[in-house]
C-alpha atoms as a PDB file:
ATOM      1  CA  UNK A   1     103.456  88.113 116.235  1.00  0.00           C
ATOM      2  CA  UNK A   2     103.196  86.210 112.971  1.00  0.00           C
ATOM      3  CA  UNK A   3     103.534  88.183 109.774  1.00  0.00           C
ATOM      4  CA  UNK A   4     100.817  87.236 107.329  1.00  0.00           C
ATOM      5  CA  UNK A   5      99.028  88.678 104.314  1.00  0.00           C
ATOM      6  CA  UNK A   6      96.024  86.898 102.806  1.00  0.00           C
ATOM      7  CA  UNK A   7      94.005  87.477  99.638  1.00  0.00           C
ATOM      8  CA  UNK A   8      91.270  85.698  97.700  1.00  0.00           C
ATOM      9  CA  UNK A   9      91.697  87.826  94.601  1.00  0.00           C
ATOM     10  CA  UNK A  10      89.281  90.610  95.505  1.00  0.00           C
ATOM     11  CA  UNK A  11      92.100  92.792  96.823  1.00  0.00           C
ATOM     12  CA  UNK A  12      93.595  95.575  94.711  1.00  0.00           C
ATOM     13  CA  UNK A  13      97.068  94.768  93.408  1.00  0.00           C
ATOM     14  CA  UNK A  14      98.402  97.981  94.997  1.00  0.00           C
ATOM     15  CA  UNK A  15      96.890  97.059  98.374  1.00  0.00           C
ATOM     16  CA  UNK A  16      98.405  93.595  98.241  1.00  0.00           C
ATOM     17  CA  UNK A  17     101.823  95.032  97.362  1.00  0.00           C
ATOM     18  CA  UNK A  18     101.620  97.562 100.211  1.00  0.00           C
ATOM     19  CA  UNK A  19     100.538  94.927 102.746  1.00  0.00           C
ATOM     20  CA  UNK A  20     103.280  92.584 101.620  1.00  0.00           C
ATOM     21  CA  UNK A  21     105.905  95.330 101.943  1.00  0.00           C
ATOM     22  CA  UNK A  22     104.571  96.398 105.346  1.00  0.00           C
ATOM     23  CA  UNK A  23     105.142  92.859 106.653  1.00  0.00           C
ATOM     24  CA  UNK A  24     108.394  92.264 104.748  1.00  0.00           C
ATOM     25  CA  UNK A  25     109.838  95.791 104.436  1.00  0.00           C
ATOM     26  CA  UNK A  26     113.041  94.865 102.597  1.00  0.00           C
ATOM     27  CA  UNK A  27     111.222  92.891  99.872  1.00  0.00           C
ATOM     28  CA  UNK A  28     109.129  93.935  96.875  1.00  0.00           C
ATOM     29  CA  UNK A  29     106.239  91.848  95.505  1.00  0.00           C
ATOM     30  CA  UNK A  30     106.013  92.154  91.711  1.00  0.00           C
ATOM     31  CA  UNK A  31     102.861  90.839  90.012  1.00  0.00           C
ATOM     32  CA  UNK A  32     101.926  90.667  86.339  1.00  0.00           C
ATOM     33  CA  UNK A  33     101.532  88.614  83.166  1.00  0.00           C
ATOM     34  CA  UNK A  34     104.606  87.011  81.618  1.00  0.00           C
ATOM     35  CA  UNK A  35     105.569  87.493  77.995  1.00  0.00           C
ATOM     36  CA  UNK A  36     107.233  84.904  75.770  1.00  0.00           C
ATOM     37  CA  UNK A  37     110.699  86.014  76.891  1.00  0.00           C
ATOM     38  CA  UNK A  38     109.804  85.464  80.547  1.00  0.00           C
ATOM     39  CA  UNK A  39     109.572  89.169  81.441  1.00  0.00           C
ATOM     40  CA  UNK A  40     106.824  90.429  83.732  1.00  0.00           C
ATOM     41  CA  UNK A  41     104.705  93.241  82.302  1.00  0.00           C
ATOM     42  CA  UNK A  42     103.335  96.002  84.457  1.00  0.00           C
ATOM     43  CA  UNK A  43      99.682  95.753  85.407  1.00  0.00           C
ATOM     44  CA  UNK A  44      97.192  98.375  86.482  1.00  0.00           C
ATOM     45  CA  UNK A  45      97.733  98.310  90.249  1.00  0.00           C
ATOM     46  CA  UNK A  46      94.229  99.753  90.715  1.00  0.00           C
ATOM     47  CA  UNK A  47      92.699  96.477  89.515  1.00  0.00           C
ATOM     48  CA  UNK A  48      92.042  93.432  91.650  1.00  0.00           C
ATOM     49  CA  UNK A  49      93.874  90.145  91.234  1.00  0.00           C
ATOM     50  CA  UNK A  50      90.614  88.703  89.884  1.00  0.00           C
ATOM     51  CA  UNK A  51      90.573  91.325  87.141  1.00  0.00           C
ATOM     52  CA  UNK A  52      94.104  90.561  85.922  1.00  0.00           C
ATOM     53  CA  UNK A  53      94.153  86.805  86.412  1.00  0.00           C
ATOM     54  CA  UNK A  54      94.286  84.392  83.483  1.00  0.00           C
ATOM     55  CA  UNK A  55      93.153  81.291  85.428  1.00  0.00           C
ATOM     56  CA  UNK A  56      89.813  80.956  87.148  1.00  0.00           C
ATOM     57  CA  UNK A  57      90.810  78.502  89.870  1.00  0.00           C
ATOM     58  CA  UNK A  58      89.497  78.936  93.386  1.00  0.00           C
ATOM     59  CA  UNK A  59      91.702  79.469  96.344  1.00  0.00           C
ATOM     60  CA  UNK A  60      93.324  81.842  98.719  1.00  0.00           C
ATOM     61  CA  UNK A  61      96.899  83.052  98.847  1.00  0.00           C
ATOM     62  CA  UNK A  62      98.610  83.589 102.150  1.00  0.00           C
ATOM     63  CA  UNK A  63     102.050  85.096 102.663  1.00  0.00           C
ATOM     64  CA  UNK A  64     103.448  84.112 106.016  1.00  0.00           C
ATOM     65  CA  UNK A  65     106.999  84.539 107.211  1.00  0.00           C
ATOM     66  CA  UNK A  66     107.692  80.819 107.090  1.00  0.00           C
ATOM     67  CA  UNK A  67     106.605  80.375 103.447  1.00  0.00           C
ATOM     68  CA  UNK A  68     109.323  79.756 100.862  1.00  0.00           C
ATOM     69  CA  UNK A  69     109.854  82.299  98.084  1.00  0.00           C
ATOM     70  CA  UNK A  70     109.409  79.588  95.417  1.00  0.00           C
ATOM     71  CA  UNK A  71     106.106  78.493  96.973  1.00  0.00           C
ATOM     72  CA  UNK A  72     104.620  81.968  96.626  1.00  0.00           C
ATOM     73  CA  UNK A  73     105.712  82.213  93.009  1.00  0.00           C
ATOM     74  CA  UNK A  74     104.223  78.775  92.237  1.00  0.00           C
ATOM     75  CA  UNK A  75     100.929  79.538  93.998  1.00  0.00           C
ATOM     76  CA  UNK A  76     100.397  82.692  91.931  1.00  0.00           C
ATOM     77  CA  UNK A  77     100.865  80.678  88.734  1.00  0.00           C
ATOM     78  CA  UNK A  78      98.658  77.811  89.917  1.00  0.00           C
ATOM     79  CA  UNK A  79      95.790  79.907  91.320  1.00  0.00           C
ATOM     80  CA  UNK A  80      95.791  83.006  89.140  1.00  0.00           C
ATOM     81  CA  UNK A  81      97.867  82.179  86.059  1.00  0.00           C
ATOM     82  CA  UNK A  82     100.050  85.233  86.604  1.00  0.00           C
ATOM     83  CA  UNK A  83     103.608  85.690  87.670  1.00  0.00           C
ATOM     84  CA  UNK A  84     104.789  86.894  91.037  1.00  0.00           C
ATOM     85  CA  UNK A  85     108.404  87.596  91.820  1.00  0.00           C
ATOM     86  CA  UNK A  86     109.988  88.694  95.036  1.00  0.00           C
ATOM     87  CA  UNK A  87     112.455  91.489  94.476  1.00  0.00           C
ATOM     88  CA  UNK A  88     114.691  93.887  96.361  1.00  0.00           C
ATOM     89  CA  UNK A  89     115.942  97.442  96.021  1.00  0.00           C
ATOM     90  CA  UNK A  90     119.594  97.604  96.888  1.00  0.00           C
ATOM     91  CA  UNK A  91     121.219 100.464  98.738  1.00  0.00           C
ATOM     92  CA  UNK A  92     122.503 101.892  95.458  1.00  0.00           C
ATOM     93  CA  UNK A  93     118.916 102.188  94.185  1.00  0.00           C
ATOM     94  CA  UNK A  94     119.115  99.350  91.670  1.00  0.00           C
ATOM     95  CA  UNK A  95     116.264  96.838  91.694  1.00  0.00           C
ATOM     96  CA  UNK A  96     116.575  93.072  91.247  1.00  0.00           C
ATOM     97  CA  UNK A  97     114.456  89.938  91.185  1.00  0.00           C
ATOM     98  CA  UNK A  98     115.456  87.151  93.522  1.00  0.00           C
ATOM     99  CA  UNK A  99     116.350  85.237  90.308  1.00  0.00           C
ATOM    100  CA  UNK A 100     116.031  81.844  91.954  1.00  0.00           C
ATOM    101  CA  UNK A 101     118.988  82.444  94.261  1.00  0.00           C
ATOM    102  CA  UNK A 102     116.724  82.882  97.295  1.00  0.00           C
ATOM    103  CA  UNK A 103     113.964  80.433  96.309  1.00  0.00           C
ATOM    104  CA  UNK A 104     114.654  78.070  99.202  1.00  0.00           C
ATOM    105  CA  UNK A 105     114.586  80.830 101.825  1.00  0.00           C
ATOM    106  CA  UNK A 106     111.483  81.737 103.795  1.00  0.00           C
ATOM    107  CA  UNK A 107     110.168  85.276 103.477  1.00  0.00           C
ATOM    108  CA  UNK A 108     111.434  86.061 106.978  1.00  0.00           C
ATOM    109  CA  UNK A 109     114.910  84.722 106.191  1.00  0.00           C
ATOM    110  CA  UNK A 110     115.060  86.577 102.865  1.00  0.00           C
ATOM    111  CA  UNK A 111     113.806  89.813 104.449  1.00  0.00           C
ATOM    112  CA  UNK A 112     116.439  89.610 107.201  1.00  0.00           C
ATOM    113  CA  UNK A 113     119.203  88.789 104.718  1.00  0.00           C
ATOM    114  CA  UNK A 114     118.292  91.826 102.607  1.00  0.00           C
ATOM    115  CA  UNK A 115     118.141  94.046 105.693  1.00  0.00           C
ATOM    116  CA  UNK A 116     121.633  92.861 106.651  1.00  0.00           C
ATOM    117  CA  UNK A 117     122.814  93.447 103.070  1.00  0.00           C
ATOM    118  CA  UNK A 118     121.818  97.121 103.286  1.00  0.00           C
ATOM    119  CA  UNK A 119     118.832  97.017 100.941  1.00  0.00           C
ATOM    120  CA  UNK A 120     116.285  99.828 100.979  1.00  0.00           C
ATOM    121  CA  UNK A 121     112.974  99.335 102.724  1.00  0.00           C
ATOM    122  CA  UNK A 122     109.486 100.627 102.181  1.00  0.00           C
ATOM    123  CA  UNK A 123     109.463 100.253  98.386  1.00  0.00           C
ATOM    124  CA  UNK A 124     106.161  98.711  97.341  1.00  0.00           C
ATOM    125  CA  UNK A 125     105.497 100.143  93.871  1.00  0.00           C
ATOM    126  CA  UNK A 126     105.466  97.905  90.798  1.00  0.00           C
ATOM    127  CA  UNK A 127     109.211  98.311  90.310  1.00  0.00           C
ATOM    128  CA  UNK A 128     111.738  95.997  88.759  1.00  0.00           C
END
């Protein structure tokens, strides 16, 4: 069965994060505006993507297992004008962004690699 999460922007940020983590349990989706130093700021996860977006473009985002990490990050910028990063929570409890190292992996490949690396699963909160 194909793993896929889709949103048009009317979905709550928390719901999107939970759905993403349900399909890719060893990964964390982090969403928010970027400051001038390139850091993502926490958003109210009880708002919809449409409420936090800075761009008003039309479109739909879909997260399938065969989509590259860098493609998801680019689509969030292009469609919504906000940043999305894929992160992990390691076995020691420390949280990390993919930091470009895994950009050319698909979500399924990245999820499996983090499972094999002993990362924690089921962590959907804002994090990082």
